[in-house]
């Protein structure tokens, strides 16, 4: 039996409906308002901006539209394909401000440094080990200017949900395919979790259905993520040369709350001595994992 591909590995129903799902599903959640938060911080800090795990360019194109030079980095060729397709709809001066780079967020080397790095909508949770997370943050630190800022979002783990074996949202409301206009049904078929590694794996099924009920195509993908506790995240940031300026429970400035969102504002320390620890083995990890 052929193993289903990882989330966003290629252009398919998951990637094709991502923007429509995100616009709908963020409403009323702890991630609501994230775009405004990132735009406001970018106005304060300036650019250039690195959008880490930037996916289809939901945030990157908005930043470029406000005048910032933006680099969108993602491991998924499918997501970058969608981001690049949006270029035709942009004015020439906006298009020139955005470049896309296909690379692994745990080990990347770019030709510039940035005033601001954003890792939005839980993209960091696609890095599946603590060593890989540290490696990612070290890569970010290398690319930040002295005093540069990292904005990082991940969900605060609710153990009552994460430790159950049955999916807690087995089926989502259908979403309209932006090209065909057909309904796309989305179902979480199965779930595995490993408390020791703080990871879970879910099999998602995407089914496109015509108005007469005929199935056009069915595609399976596997979503794998690692949850991280607040104290663990704070330590990782400090270990890799950051100081935490602020920590919120949502994108409206609320204080941290169990089971909501972890929104970190971290600043690169100036003059940090290079770590003498052995660098972890190179790991592969998804660049974008937006549920």
Foldseek 3Di string as FASTA:
>chain_A
DDDAAAPLQAADPRLQCVVQCCVPVLPPALAPPVLVLVLVVCVVQPKQEEEFQCFQCPNPLVNLVVPHQYEYEFQRPHRVVNNVVCLVVDDPSSSVSYDYHNDFLLDDDDDAAMLEYEHPQALLQQQQAPLSSLSNLLVNLVRYDAFGKYKYKDWFDDCVQQVDWAHPCQWDDWTQRPPPRFTKTKGFDTKDHDVVSQKMKTKMKIWTAHPVGDTPDIGIHMAMGHHDHPVRVCVSQVVSAKDWPDWAQGSPRHHNDHGGMTITMITGHPPDDDDPDDRDDDDGGGRHRRD
